[in-house]
Amino acid sequence: MSTANHNAQRLAAYRQRLAEAGFKRISAYVPLDLIAHLQSQKAPGECVGRTLERLLLGNVKDRPQYYSEEEIAQKEARRQEWAARRAQPKKAGRAERRALRRAECERLRQEAMERLGLLTKAKF
């Protein structure tokens, strides 16, 4: 399912929950002055409907959650999975793998040369 389709379904379900909670959708043509006033009165994260409600009634009614309980649980599971992946040690990058191979090759070369008697270990 595409993300746009999934979001549309989530929004439709949210609108249904709003209707069940007693909210009604309104649409109106208003002058630009009113829009400017509403925007100036808007609190951070607040929608125009909530701003109107707060200004006209003096308070706001609690709205249903946007995400269903199942979606909240899925999001939390994804967050925990992501955190677990971030906690795992990172795979060595190309440069690190190359450096490890070089060090291993050098160690094997020195070991072979010592066995052949071409190289003696330094004795301290």
PDB file of N, CA and C in Angstrom:
ATOM      1  N   MET A   1       0.847  -1.168   0.000  1.00  0.00           N
ATOM      2  CA  MET A   1       0.000   0.000   0.000  1.00  0.00           C
ATOM      3  C   MET A   1       0.894   1.233   0.000  1.00  0.00           C
ATOM      4  N   SER A   2       0.563   2.197  -0.831  1.00  0.00           N
ATOM      5  CA  SER A   2       1.394   3.396  -0.916  1.00  0.00           C
ATOM      6  C   SER A   2       1.200   4.256   0.325  1.00  0.00           C
ATOM      7  N   THR A   3       2.199   5.075   0.615  1.00  0.00           N
ATOM      8  CA  THR A   3       2.149   5.935   1.789  1.00  0.00           C
ATOM      9  C   THR A   3       0.992   6.922   1.692  1.00  0.00           C
ATOM     10  N   ALA A   4       0.778   7.489   0.500  1.00  0.00           N
ATOM     11  CA  ALA A   4      -0.299   8.457   0.323  1.00  0.00           C
ATOM     12  C   ALA A   4      -1.649   7.808   0.610  1.00  0.00           C
ATOM     13  N   ASN A   5      -1.848   6.599   0.117  1.00  0.00           N
ATOM     14  CA  ASN A   5      -3.097   5.891   0.341  1.00  0.00           C
ATOM     15  C   ASN A   5      -3.263   5.564   1.822  1.00  0.00           C
ATOM     16  N   HIS A   6      -2.175   5.145   2.476  1.00  0.00           N
ATOM     17  CA  HIS A   6      -2.220   4.814   3.897  1.00  0.00           C
ATOM     18  C   HIS A   6      -2.556   6.064   4.711  1.00  0.00           C
ATOM     19  N   ASN A   7      -1.939   7.190   4.372  1.00  0.00           N
ATOM     20  CA  ASN A   7      -2.222   8.439   5.083  1.00  0.00           C
ATOM     21  C   ASN A   7      -3.663   8.870   4.874  1.00  0.00           C
ATOM     22  N   ALA A   8      -4.187   8.697   3.657  1.00  0.00           N
ATOM     23  CA  ALA A   8      -5.581   9.054   3.381  1.00  0.00           C
ATOM     24  C   ALA A   8      -6.517   8.189   4.222  1.00  0.00           C
ATOM     25  N   GLN A   9      -6.205   6.906   4.352  1.00  0.00           N
ATOM     26  CA  GLN A   9      -7.032   6.027   5.172  1.00  0.00           C
ATOM     27  C   GLN A   9      -6.956   6.418   6.648  1.00  0.00           C
ATOM     28  N   ARG A  10      -5.755   6.765   7.114  1.00  0.00           N
ATOM     29  CA  ARG A  10      -5.595   7.196   8.507  1.00  0.00           C
ATOM     30  C   ARG A  10      -6.388   8.471   8.760  1.00  0.00           C
ATOM     31  N   LEU A  11      -6.317   9.422   7.816  1.00  0.00           N
ATOM     32  CA  LEU A  11      -7.046  10.675   7.966  1.00  0.00           C
ATOM     33  C   LEU A  11      -8.556  10.431   7.965  1.00  0.00           C
ATOM     34  N   ALA A  12      -9.040   9.536   7.103  1.00  0.00           N
ATOM     35  CA  ALA A  12     -10.469   9.218   7.071  1.00  0.00           C
ATOM     36  C   ALA A  12     -10.913   8.615   8.403  1.00  0.00           C
ATOM     37  N   ALA A  13     -10.090   7.736   8.970  1.00  0.00           N
ATOM     38  CA  ALA A  13     -10.419   7.136  10.263  1.00  0.00           C
ATOM     39  C   ALA A  13     -10.424   8.193  11.360  1.00  0.00           C
ATOM     40  N   TYR A  14      -9.471   9.125  11.302  1.00  0.00           N
ATOM     41  CA  TYR A  14      -9.417  10.211  12.292  1.00  0.00           C
ATOM     42  C   TYR A  14     -10.647  11.105  12.176  1.00  0.00           C
ATOM     43  N   ARG A  15     -11.034  11.433  10.955  1.00  0.00           N
ATOM     44  CA  ARG A  15     -12.238  12.252  10.764  1.00  0.00           C
ATOM     45  C   ARG A  15     -13.464  11.534  11.312  1.00  0.00           C
ATOM     46  N   GLN A  16     -13.524  10.229  11.154  1.00  0.00           N
ATOM     47  CA  GLN A  16     -14.638   9.438  11.696  1.00  0.00           C
ATOM     48  C   GLN A  16     -14.646   9.517  13.221  1.00  0.00           C
ATOM     49  N   ARG A  17     -13.459   9.400  13.832  1.00  0.00           N
ATOM     50  CA  ARG A  17     -13.377   9.503  15.299  1.00  0.00           C
ATOM     51  C   ARG A  17     -13.788  10.896  15.764  1.00  0.00           C
ATOM     52  N   LEU A  18     -13.412  11.938  14.992  1.00  0.00           N
ATOM     53  CA  LEU A  18     -13.840  13.302  15.343  1.00  0.00           C
ATOM     54  C   LEU A  18     -15.357  13.419  15.296  1.00  0.00           C
ATOM     55  N   ALA A  19     -15.962  12.881  14.231  1.00  0.00           N
ATOM     56  CA  ALA A  19     -17.423  12.947  14.100  1.00  0.00           C
ATOM     57  C   ALA A  19     -18.093  12.212  15.258  1.00  0.00           C
ATOM     58  N   GLU A  20     -17.550  11.048  15.621  1.00  0.00           N
ATOM     59  CA  GLU A  20     -18.114  10.285  16.741  1.00  0.00           C
ATOM     60  C   GLU A  20     -17.967  11.027  18.060  1.00  0.00           C
ATOM     61  N   ALA A  21     -16.940  11.881  18.176  1.00  0.00           N
ATOM     62  CA  ALA A  21     -16.716  12.655  19.396  1.00  0.00           C
ATOM     63  C   ALA A  21     -17.539  13.943  19.416  1.00  0.00           C
ATOM     64  N   GLY A  22     -18.339  14.173  18.363  1.00  0.00           N
ATOM     65  CA  GLY A  22     -19.222  15.337  18.361  1.00  0.00           C
ATOM     66  C   GLY A  22     -18.687  16.548  17.623  1.00  0.00           C
ATOM     67  N   PHE A  23     -17.639  16.398  16.845  1.00  0.00           N
ATOM     68  CA  PHE A  23     -17.099  17.513  16.076  1.00  0.00           C
ATOM     69  C   PHE A  23     -17.761  17.542  14.702  1.00  0.00           C
ATOM     70  N   LYS A  24     -17.959  18.754  14.171  1.00  0.00           N
ATOM     71  CA  LYS A  24     -18.535  18.947  12.835  1.00  0.00           C
ATOM     72  C   LYS A  24     -17.568  19.764  12.010  1.00  0.00           C
ATOM     73  N   ARG A  25     -17.494  19.451  10.725  1.00  0.00           N
ATOM     74  CA  ARG A  25     -16.632  20.190   9.794  1.00  0.00           C
ATOM     75  C   ARG A  25     -17.404  21.374   9.241  1.00  0.00           C
ATOM     76  N   ILE A  26     -16.768  22.549   9.235  1.00  0.00           N
ATOM     77  CA  ILE A  26     -17.372  23.728   8.629  1.00  0.00           C
ATOM     78  C   ILE A  26     -16.418  24.300   7.587  1.00  0.00           C
ATOM     79  N   SER A  27     -16.977  24.998   6.635  1.00  0.00           N
ATOM     80  CA  SER A  27     -16.180  25.642   5.607  1.00  0.00           C
ATOM     81  C   SER A  27     -16.776  27.018   5.385  1.00  0.00           C
ATOM     82  N   ALA A  28     -15.928  28.015   5.285  1.00  0.00           N
ATOM     83  CA  ALA A  28     -16.449  29.376   5.126  1.00  0.00           C
ATOM     84  C   ALA A  28     -15.456  30.217   4.338  1.00  0.00           C
ATOM     85  N   TYR A  29     -15.997  31.210   3.639  1.00  0.00           N
ATOM     86  CA  TYR A  29     -15.171  32.209   2.981  1.00  0.00           C
ATOM     87  C   TYR A  29     -15.063  33.387   3.936  1.00  0.00           C
ATOM     88  N   VAL A  30     -13.839  33.784   4.232  1.00  0.00           N
ATOM     89  CA  VAL A  30     -13.610  34.870   5.184  1.00  0.00           C
ATOM     90  C   VAL A  30     -12.634  35.871   4.573  1.00  0.00           C
ATOM     91  N   PRO A  31     -12.692  37.123   5.035  1.00  0.00           N
ATOM     92  CA  PRO A  31     -11.759  38.125   4.505  1.00  0.00           C
ATOM     93  C   PRO A  31     -10.334  37.851   4.975  1.00  0.00           C
ATOM     94  N   LEU A  32      -9.379  38.384   4.217  1.00  0.00           N
ATOM     95  CA  LEU A  32      -7.962  38.192   4.551  1.00  0.00           C
ATOM     96  C   LEU A  32      -7.608  38.740   5.923  1.00  0.00           C
ATOM     97  N   ASP A  33      -8.312  39.792   6.360  1.00  0.00           N
ATOM     98  CA  ASP A  33      -8.041  40.353   7.689  1.00  0.00           C
ATOM     99  C   ASP A  33      -8.305  39.317   8.783  1.00  0.00           C
ATOM    100  N   LEU A  34      -9.380  38.550   8.632  1.00  0.00           N
ATOM    101  CA  LEU A  34      -9.698  37.530   9.626  1.00  0.00           C
ATOM    102  C   LEU A  34      -8.650  36.423   9.617  1.00  0.00           C
ATOM    103  N   ILE A  35      -8.212  36.035   8.436  1.00  0.00           N
ATOM    104  CA  ILE A  35      -7.172  35.005   8.342  1.00  0.00           C
ATOM    105  C   ILE A  35      -5.892  35.491   9.011  1.00  0.00           C
ATOM    106  N   ALA A  36      -5.515  36.740   8.752  1.00  0.00           N
ATOM    107  CA  ALA A  36      -4.313  37.310   9.368  1.00  0.00           C
ATOM    108  C   ALA A  36      -4.462  37.340  10.887  1.00  0.00           C
ATOM    109  N   HIS A  37      -5.645  37.698  11.378  1.00  0.00           N
ATOM    110  CA  HIS A  37      -5.876  37.747  12.823  1.00  0.00           C
ATOM    111  C   HIS A  37      -5.785  36.337  13.421  1.00  0.00           C
ATOM    112  N   LEU A  38      -6.401  35.362  12.756  1.00  0.00           N
ATOM    113  CA  LEU A  38      -6.345  33.991  13.255  1.00  0.00           C
ATOM    114  C   LEU A  38      -4.909  33.477  13.294  1.00  0.00           C
ATOM    115  N   GLN A  39      -4.152  33.782  12.246  1.00  0.00           N
ATOM    116  CA  GLN A  39      -2.751  33.340  12.212  1.00  0.00           C
ATOM    117  C   GLN A  39      -1.944  33.984  13.339  1.00  0.00           C
ATOM    118  N   SER A  40      -2.251  35.241  13.653  1.00  0.00           N
ATOM    119  CA  SER A  40      -1.512  35.913  14.727  1.00  0.00           C
ATOM    120  C   SER A  40      -1.893  35.362  16.094  1.00  0.00           C
ATOM    121  N   GLN A  41      -3.093  34.804  16.231  1.00  0.00           N
ATOM    122  CA  GLN A  41      -3.557  34.272  17.506  1.00  0.00           C
ATOM    123  C   GLN A  41      -3.255  32.783  17.692  1.00  0.00           C
ATOM    124  N   LYS A  42      -2.775  32.157  16.637  1.00  0.00           N
ATOM    125  CA  LYS A  42      -2.545  30.717  16.641  1.00  0.00           C
ATOM    126  C   LYS A  42      -1.380  30.347  17.553  1.00  0.00           C
ATOM    127  N   ALA A  43      -1.597  29.352  18.378  1.00  0.00           N
ATOM    128  CA  ALA A  43      -0.526  28.839  19.247  1.00  0.00           C
ATOM    129  C   ALA A  43       0.295  27.816  18.461  1.00  0.00           C
ATOM    130  N   PRO A  44       1.553  27.591  18.835  1.00  0.00           N
ATOM    131  CA  PRO A  44       2.375  26.608  18.116  1.00  0.00           C
ATOM    132  C   PRO A  44       1.712  25.227  18.107  1.00  0.00           C
ATOM    133  N   GLY A  45       1.657  24.612  16.934  1.00  0.00           N
ATOM    134  CA  GLY A  45       1.076  23.280  16.788  1.00  0.00           C
ATOM    135  C   GLY A  45      -0.435  23.251  16.778  1.00  0.00           C
ATOM    136  N   GLU A  46      -1.046  24.400  16.760  1.00  0.00           N
ATOM    137  CA  GLU A  46      -2.505  24.475  16.830  1.00  0.00           C
ATOM    138  C   GLU A  46      -3.090  24.628  15.430  1.00  0.00           C
ATOM    139  N   CYS A  47      -4.186  23.920  15.152  1.00  0.00           N
ATOM    140  CA  CYS A  47      -4.852  24.062  13.861  1.00  0.00           C
ATOM    141  C   CYS A  47      -5.813  25.246  13.931  1.00  0.00           C
ATOM    142  N   VAL A  48      -6.297  25.686  12.779  1.00  0.00           N
ATOM    143  CA  VAL A  48      -7.199  26.851  12.727  1.00  0.00           C
ATOM    144  C   VAL A  48      -8.479  26.550  13.497  1.00  0.00           C
ATOM    145  N   GLY A  49      -8.981  25.320  13.381  1.00  0.00           N
ATOM    146  CA  GLY A  49     -10.205  24.957  14.108  1.00  0.00           C
ATOM    147  C   GLY A  49     -10.038  25.094  15.607  1.00  0.00           C
ATOM    148  N   ARG A  50      -8.920  24.642  16.107  1.00  0.00           N
ATOM    149  CA  ARG A  50      -8.669  24.745  17.550  1.00  0.00           C
ATOM    150  C   ARG A  50      -8.483  26.207  17.954  1.00  0.00           C
ATOM    151  N   THR A  51      -7.851  27.005  17.099  1.00  0.00           N
ATOM    152  CA  THR A  51      -7.690  28.430  17.387  1.00  0.00           C
ATOM    153  C   THR A  51      -9.059  29.106  17.477  1.00  0.00           C
ATOM    154  N   LEU A  52      -9.917  28.830  16.512  1.00  0.00           N
ATOM    155  CA  LEU A  52     -11.276  29.388  16.539  1.00  0.00           C
ATOM    156  C   LEU A  52     -12.009  28.962  17.807  1.00  0.00           C
ATOM    157  N   GLU A  53     -11.924  27.706  18.133  1.00  0.00           N
ATOM    158  CA  GLU A  53     -12.584  27.175  19.317  1.00  0.00           C
ATOM    159  C   GLU A  53     -12.089  27.882  20.579  1.00  0.00           C
ATOM    160  N   ARG A  54     -10.780  28.035  20.688  1.00  0.00           N
ATOM    161  CA  ARG A  54     -10.200  28.687  21.870  1.00  0.00           C
ATOM    162  C   ARG A  54     -10.624  30.145  21.963  1.00  0.00           C
ATOM    163  N   LEU A  55     -10.624  30.858  20.809  1.00  0.00           N
ATOM    164  CA  LEU A  55     -10.975  32.275  20.828  1.00  0.00           C
ATOM    165  C   LEU A  55     -12.467  32.507  21.083  1.00  0.00           C
ATOM    166  N   LEU A  56     -13.312  31.649  20.522  1.00  0.00           N
ATOM    167  CA  LEU A  56     -14.753  31.850  20.660  1.00  0.00           C
ATOM    168  C   LEU A  56     -15.313  31.299  21.969  1.00  0.00           C
ATOM    169  N   LEU A  57     -14.830  30.159  22.402  1.00  0.00           N
ATOM    170  CA  LEU A  57     -15.378  29.519  23.602  1.00  0.00           C
ATOM    171  C   LEU A  57     -14.530  29.741  24.853  1.00  0.00           C
ATOM    172  N   GLY A  58     -13.296  30.134  24.670  1.00  0.00           N
ATOM    173  CA  GLY A  58     -12.414  30.354  25.813  1.00  0.00           C
ATOM    174  C   GLY A  58     -11.640  29.114  26.233  1.00  0.00           C
ATOM    175  N   ASN A  59     -11.989  27.966  25.695  1.00  0.00           N
ATOM    176  CA  ASN A  59     -11.247  26.729  25.985  1.00  0.00           C
ATOM    177  C   ASN A  59     -11.391  25.791  24.795  1.00  0.00           C
ATOM    178  N   VAL A  60     -10.701  24.682  24.843  1.00  0.00           N
ATOM    179  CA  VAL A  60     -10.769  23.718  23.744  1.00  0.00           C
ATOM    180  C   VAL A  60     -11.200  22.362  24.278  1.00  0.00           C
ATOM    181  N   LYS A  61     -11.983  21.666  23.488  1.00  0.00           N
ATOM    182  CA  LYS A  61     -12.434  20.320  23.832  1.00  0.00           C
ATOM    183  C   LYS A  61     -11.348  19.328  23.425  1.00  0.00           C
ATOM    184  N   ASP A  62     -11.158  18.307  24.244  1.00  0.00           N
ATOM    185  CA  ASP A  62     -10.175  17.274  23.902  1.00  0.00           C
ATOM    186  C   ASP A  62     -10.595  16.571  22.623  1.00  0.00           C
ATOM    187  N   ARG A  63      -9.622  16.360  21.760  1.00  0.00           N
ATOM    188  CA  ARG A  63      -9.869  15.672  20.503  1.00  0.00           C
ATOM    189  C   ARG A  63      -9.377  14.229  20.601  1.00  0.00           C
ATOM    190  N   PRO A  64      -9.932  13.356  19.764  1.00  0.00           N
ATOM    191  CA  PRO A  64      -9.424  11.975  19.736  1.00  0.00           C
ATOM    192  C   PRO A  64      -7.980  11.950  19.247  1.00  0.00           C
ATOM    193  N   GLN A  65      -7.273  10.872  19.579  1.00  0.00           N
ATOM    194  CA  GLN A  65      -5.907  10.715  19.089  1.00  0.00           C
ATOM    195  C   GLN A  65      -5.909  10.577  17.581  1.00  0.00           C
ATOM    196  N   TYR A  66      -4.886  11.131  16.943  1.00  0.00           N
ATOM    197  CA  TYR A  66      -4.780  11.001  15.491  1.00  0.00           C
ATOM    198  C   TYR A  66      -4.435   9.565  15.115  1.00  0.00           C
ATOM    199  N   TYR A  67      -3.472   8.965  15.831  1.00  0.00           N
ATOM    200  CA  TYR A  67      -3.060   7.593  15.556  1.00  0.00           C
ATOM    201  C   TYR A  67      -3.881   6.646  16.425  1.00  0.00           C
ATOM    202  N   SER A  68      -4.260   5.507  15.863  1.00  0.00           N
ATOM    203  CA  SER A  68      -4.978   4.491  16.632  1.00  0.00           C
ATOM    204  C   SER A  68      -3.995   3.834  17.602  1.00  0.00           C
ATOM    205  N   GLU A  69      -4.545   3.105  18.583  1.00  0.00           N
ATOM    206  CA  GLU A  69      -3.686   2.417  19.555  1.00  0.00           C
ATOM    207  C   GLU A  69      -2.764   1.420  18.846  1.00  0.00           C
ATOM    208  N   GLU A  70      -3.282   0.746  17.829  1.00  0.00           N
ATOM    209  CA  GLU A  70      -2.475  -0.221  17.071  1.00  0.00           C
ATOM    210  C   GLU A  70      -1.315   0.481  16.365  1.00  0.00           C
ATOM    211  N   GLU A  71      -1.589   1.646  15.749  1.00  0.00           N
ATOM    212  CA  GLU A  71      -0.528   2.390  15.050  1.00  0.00           C
ATOM    213  C   GLU A  71       0.512   2.913  16.036  1.00  0.00           C
ATOM    214  N   ILE A  72       0.057   3.337  17.206  1.00  0.00           N
ATOM    215  CA  ILE A  72       0.996   3.812  18.235  1.00  0.00           C
ATOM    216  C   ILE A  72       1.910   2.666  18.661  1.00  0.00           C
ATOM    217  N   ALA A  73       1.342   1.462  18.840  1.00  0.00           N
ATOM    218  CA  ALA A  73       2.150   0.293  19.225  1.00  0.00           C
ATOM    219  C   ALA A  73       3.139  -0.064  18.118  1.00  0.00           C
ATOM    220  N   GLN A  74       2.696   0.014  16.849  1.00  0.00           N
ATOM    221  CA  GLN A  74       3.596  -0.279  15.733  1.00  0.00           C
ATOM    222  C   GLN A  74       4.734   0.726  15.662  1.00  0.00           C
ATOM    223  N   LYS A  75       4.412   2.016  15.867  1.00  0.00           N
ATOM    224  CA  LYS A  75       5.452   3.051  15.833  1.00  0.00           C
ATOM    225  C   LYS A  75       6.472   2.838  16.949  1.00  0.00           C
ATOM    226  N   GLU A  76       5.980   2.464  18.133  1.00  0.00           N
ATOM    227  CA  GLU A  76       6.884   2.237  19.256  1.00  0.00           C
ATOM    228  C   GLU A  76       7.778   1.024  18.988  1.00  0.00           C
ATOM    229  N   ALA A  77       7.213  -0.025  18.391  1.00  0.00           N
ATOM    230  CA  ALA A  77       8.013  -1.205  18.049  1.00  0.00           C
ATOM    231  C   ALA A  77       9.088  -0.840  17.027  1.00  0.00           C
ATOM    232  N   ARG A  78       8.741  -0.008  16.037  1.00  0.00           N
ATOM    233  CA  ARG A  78       9.740   0.425  15.046  1.00  0.00           C
ATOM    234  C   ARG A  78      10.817   1.271  15.704  1.00  0.00           C
ATOM    235  N   ARG A  79      10.427   2.139  16.647  1.00  0.00           N
ATOM    236  CA  ARG A  79      11.400   2.972  17.352  1.00  0.00           C
ATOM    237  C   ARG A  79      12.382   2.098  18.132  1.00  0.00           C
ATOM    238  N   GLN A  80      11.851   1.095  18.831  1.00  0.00           N
ATOM    239  CA  GLN A  80      12.716   0.211  19.612  1.00  0.00           C
ATOM    240  C   GLN A  80      13.631  -0.600  18.708  1.00  0.00           C
ATOM    241  N   GLU A  81      13.093  -1.063  17.566  1.00  0.00           N
ATOM    242  CA  GLU A  81      13.911  -1.805  16.603  1.00  0.00           C
ATOM    243  C   GLU A  81      15.027  -0.922  16.069  1.00  0.00           C
ATOM    244  N   TRP A  82      14.701   0.322  15.765  1.00  0.00           N
ATOM    245  CA  TRP A  82      15.700   1.269  15.260  1.00  0.00           C
ATOM    246  C   TRP A  82      16.768   1.513  16.319  1.00  0.00           C
ATOM    247  N   ALA A  83      16.340   1.697  17.575  1.00  0.00           N
ATOM    248  CA  ALA A  83      17.301   1.952  18.656  1.00  0.00           C
ATOM    249  C   ALA A  83      18.212   0.742  18.852  1.00  0.00           C
ATOM    250  N   ALA A  84      17.653  -0.469  18.725  1.00  0.00           N
ATOM    251  CA  ALA A  84      18.468  -1.672  18.879  1.00  0.00           C
ATOM    252  C   ALA A  84      19.495  -1.774  17.753  1.00  0.00           C
ATOM    253  N   ARG A  85      19.076  -1.417  16.539  1.00  0.00           N
ATOM    254  CA  ARG A  85      20.020  -1.448  15.413  1.00  0.00           C
ATOM    255  C   ARG A  85      21.128  -0.433  15.606  1.00  0.00           C
ATOM    256  N   ARG A  86      20.784   0.748  16.133  1.00  0.00           N
ATOM    257  CA  ARG A  86      21.790   1.793  16.348  1.00  0.00           C
ATOM    258  C   ARG A  86      22.773   1.380  17.437  1.00  0.00           C
ATOM    259  N   ALA A  87      22.327   0.544  18.382  1.00  0.00           N
ATOM    260  CA  ALA A  87      23.192   0.125  19.478  1.00  0.00           C
ATOM    261  C   ALA A  87      24.175  -0.961  19.038  1.00  0.00           C
ATOM    262  N   GLN A  88      23.874  -1.667  17.952  1.00  0.00           N
ATOM    263  CA  GLN A  88      24.766  -2.708  17.468  1.00  0.00           C
ATOM    264  C   GLN A  88      26.037  -2.072  16.904  1.00  0.00           C
ATOM    265  N   PRO A  89      27.156  -2.791  17.029  1.00  0.00           N
ATOM    266  CA  PRO A  89      28.388  -2.232  16.471  1.00  0.00           C
ATOM    267  C   PRO A  89      28.267  -2.068  14.959  1.00  0.00           C
ATOM    268  N   LYS A  90      28.785  -0.985  14.489  1.00  0.00           N
ATOM    269  CA  LYS A  90      28.726  -0.672  13.068  1.00  0.00           C
ATOM    270  C   LYS A  90      29.682  -1.582  12.302  1.00  0.00           C
ATOM    271  N   LYS A  91      29.230  -2.010  11.122  1.00  0.00           N
ATOM    272  CA  LYS A  91      30.121  -2.815  10.281  1.00  0.00           C
ATOM    273  C   LYS A  91      31.311  -1.952   9.873  1.00  0.00           C
ATOM    274  N   ALA A  92      32.435  -2.610   9.734  1.00  0.00           N
ATOM    275  CA  ALA A  92      33.641  -1.895   9.328  1.00  0.00           C
ATOM    276  C   ALA A  92      33.459  -1.366   7.906  1.00  0.00           C
ATOM    277  N   GLY A  93      33.864  -0.153   7.707  1.00  0.00           N
ATOM    278  CA  GLY A  93      33.784   0.445   6.385  1.00  0.00           C
ATOM    279  C   GLY A  93      34.891  -0.066   5.486  1.00  0.00           C
ATOM    280  N   ARG A  94      34.884   0.370   4.278  1.00  0.00           N
ATOM    281  CA  ARG A  94      35.861  -0.095   3.276  1.00  0.00           C
ATOM    282  C   ARG A  94      37.302   0.177   3.727  1.00  0.00           C
ATOM    283  N   ALA A  95      37.557   1.390   4.203  1.00  0.00           N
ATOM    284  CA  ALA A  95      38.914   1.748   4.622  1.00  0.00           C
ATOM    285  C   ALA A  95      39.349   0.924   5.830  1.00  0.00           C
ATOM    286  N   GLU A  96      38.412   0.701   6.786  1.00  0.00           N
ATOM    287  CA  GLU A  96      38.765  -0.087   7.967  1.00  0.00           C
ATOM    288  C   GLU A  96      39.057  -1.529   7.585  1.00  0.00           C
ATOM    289  N   ARG A  97      38.244  -2.096   6.686  1.00  0.00           N
ATOM    290  CA  ARG A  97      38.479  -3.477   6.238  1.00  0.00           C
ATOM    291  C   ARG A  97      39.839  -3.585   5.535  1.00  0.00           C
ATOM    292  N   ARG A  98      40.170  -2.599   4.702  1.00  0.00           N
ATOM    293  CA  ARG A  98      41.448  -2.601   3.998  1.00  0.00           C
ATOM    294  C   ARG A  98      42.600  -2.540   5.003  1.00  0.00           C
ATOM    295  N   ALA A  99      42.487  -1.694   6.018  1.00  0.00           N
ATOM    296  CA  ALA A  99      43.545  -1.576   7.021  1.00  0.00           C
ATOM    297  C   ALA A  99      43.691  -2.886   7.801  1.00  0.00           C
ATOM    298  N   LEU A 100      42.566  -3.528   8.125  1.00  0.00           N
ATOM    299  CA  LEU A 100      42.640  -4.811   8.827  1.00  0.00           C
ATOM    300  C   LEU A 100      43.301  -5.879   7.962  1.00  0.00           C
ATOM    301  N   ARG A 101      42.962  -5.909   6.672  1.00  0.00           N
ATOM    302  CA  ARG A 101      43.580  -6.882   5.760  1.00  0.00           C
ATOM    303  C   ARG A 101      45.081  -6.635   5.645  1.00  0.00           C
ATOM    304  N   ARG A 102      45.471  -5.369   5.543  1.00  0.00           N
ATOM    305  CA  ARG A 102      46.905  -5.047   5.436  1.00  0.00           C
ATOM    306  C   ARG A 102      47.654  -5.504   6.682  1.00  0.00           C
ATOM    307  N   ALA A 103      47.071  -5.223   7.848  1.00  0.00           N
ATOM    308  CA  ALA A 103      47.725  -5.617   9.099  1.00  0.00           C
ATOM    309  C   ALA A 103      47.833  -7.138   9.179  1.00  0.00           C
ATOM    310  N   GLU A 104      46.775  -7.846   8.781  1.00  0.00           N
ATOM    311  CA  GLU A 104      46.812  -9.305   8.797  1.00  0.00           C
ATOM    312  C   GLU A 104      47.836  -9.844   7.804  1.00  0.00           C
ATOM    313  N   CYS A 105      47.894  -9.266   6.617  1.00  0.00           N
ATOM    314  CA  CYS A 105      48.884  -9.693   5.606  1.00  0.00           C
ATOM    315  C   CYS A 105      50.306  -9.469   6.108  1.00  0.00           C
ATOM    316  N   GLU A 106      50.541  -8.332   6.737  1.00  0.00           N
ATOM    317  CA  GLU A 106      51.879  -8.037   7.259  1.00  0.00           C
ATOM    318  C   GLU A 106      52.256  -9.022   8.366  1.00  0.00           C
ATOM    319  N   ARG A 107      51.297  -9.348   9.227  1.00  0.00           N
ATOM    320  CA  ARG A 107      51.552 -10.308  10.296  1.00  0.00           C
ATOM    321  C   ARG A 107      51.889 -11.682   9.711  1.00  0.00           C
ATOM    322  N   LEU A 108      51.112 -12.115   8.707  1.00  0.00           N
ATOM    323  CA  LEU A 108      51.378 -13.410   8.065  1.00  0.00           C
ATOM    324  C   LEU A 108      52.720 -13.409   7.338  1.00  0.00           C
ATOM    325  N   ARG A 109      53.078 -12.292   6.681  1.00  0.00           N
ATOM    326  CA  ARG A 109      54.356 -12.190   5.970  1.00  0.00           C
ATOM    327  C   ARG A 109      55.520 -12.331   6.947  1.00  0.00           C
ATOM    328  N   GLN A 110      55.424 -11.609   8.063  1.00  0.00           N
ATOM    329  CA  GLN A 110      56.504 -11.682   9.055  1.00  0.00           C
ATOM    330  C   GLN A 110      56.611 -13.077   9.650  1.00  0.00           C
ATOM    331  N   GLU A 111      55.478 -13.703   9.907  1.00  0.00           N
ATOM    332  CA  GLU A 111      55.480 -15.055  10.456  1.00  0.00           C
ATOM    333  C   GLU A 111      56.137 -16.035   9.476  1.00  0.00           C
ATOM    334  N   ALA A 112      55.811 -15.907   8.193  1.00  0.00           N
ATOM    335  CA  ALA A 112      56.403 -16.792   7.172  1.00  0.00           C
ATOM    336  C   ALA A 112      57.904 -16.549   7.066  1.00  0.00           C
ATOM    337  N   MET A 113      58.325 -15.295   7.090  1.00  0.00           N
ATOM    338  CA  MET A 113      59.758 -14.989   6.985  1.00  0.00           C
ATOM    339  C   MET A 113      60.515 -15.531   8.194  1.00  0.00           C
ATOM    340  N   GLU A 114      59.924 -15.466   9.386  1.00  0.00           N
ATOM    341  CA  GLU A 114      60.572 -16.014  10.579  1.00  0.00           C
ATOM    342  C   GLU A 114      60.732 -17.522  10.456  1.00  0.00           C
ATOM    343  N   ARG A 115      59.695 -18.190   9.939  1.00  0.00           N
ATOM    344  CA  ARG A 115      59.772 -19.651   9.773  1.00  0.00           C
ATOM    345  C   ARG A 115      60.857 -20.041   8.773  1.00  0.00           C
ATOM    346  N   LEU A 116      61.019 -19.212   7.743  1.00  0.00           N
ATOM    347  CA  LEU A 116      62.059 -19.490   6.734  1.00  0.00           C
ATOM    348  C   LEU A 116      63.439 -19.059   7.193  1.00  0.00           C
ATOM    349  N   GLY A 117      63.512 -18.355   8.312  1.00  0.00           N
ATOM    350  CA  GLY A 117      64.789 -17.907   8.829  1.00  0.00           C
ATOM    351  C   GLY A 117      65.291 -16.642   8.164  1.00  0.00           C
ATOM    352  N   LEU A 118      64.439 -15.969   7.430  1.00  0.00           N
ATOM    353  CA  LEU A 118      64.831 -14.721   6.774  1.00  0.00           C
ATOM    354  C   LEU A 118      64.695 -13.529   7.681  1.00  0.00           C
ATOM    355  N   LEU A 119      63.975 -13.704   8.752  1.00  0.00           N
ATOM    356  CA  LEU A 119      63.737 -12.599   9.663  1.00  0.00           C
ATOM    357  C   LEU A 119      63.820 -13.167  11.069  1.00  0.00           C
ATOM    358  N   THR A 120      64.519 -12.483  11.917  1.00  0.00           N
ATOM    359  CA  THR A 120      64.600 -12.919  13.312  1.00  0.00           C
ATOM    360  C   THR A 120      63.869 -11.909  14.159  1.00  0.00           C
ATOM    361  N   LYS A 121      63.222 -12.437  15.180  1.00  0.00           N
ATOM    362  CA  LYS A 121      62.509 -11.556  16.106  1.00  0.00           C
ATOM    363  C   LYS A 121      63.522 -10.782  16.925  1.00  0.00           C
ATOM    364  N   ALA A 122      63.205  -9.550  17.194  1.00  0.00           N
ATOM    365  CA  ALA A 122      64.076  -8.756  18.053  1.00  0.00           C
ATOM    366  C   ALA A 122      63.929  -9.252  19.473  1.00  0.00           C
ATOM    367  N   LYS A 123      65.037  -9.501  20.133  1.00  0.00           N
ATOM    368  CA  LYS A 123      65.007  -9.987  21.522  1.00  0.00           C
ATOM    369  C   LYS A 123      65.470  -8.855  22.422  1.00  0.00           C
ATOM    370  N   PHE A 124      64.637  -8.550  23.372  1.00  0.00           N
ATOM    371  CA  PHE A 124      64.965  -7.466  24.308  1.00  0.00           C
ATOM    372  C   PHE A 124      65.283  -8.007  25.646  1.00  0.00           C
TER     373      PHE A 124
END
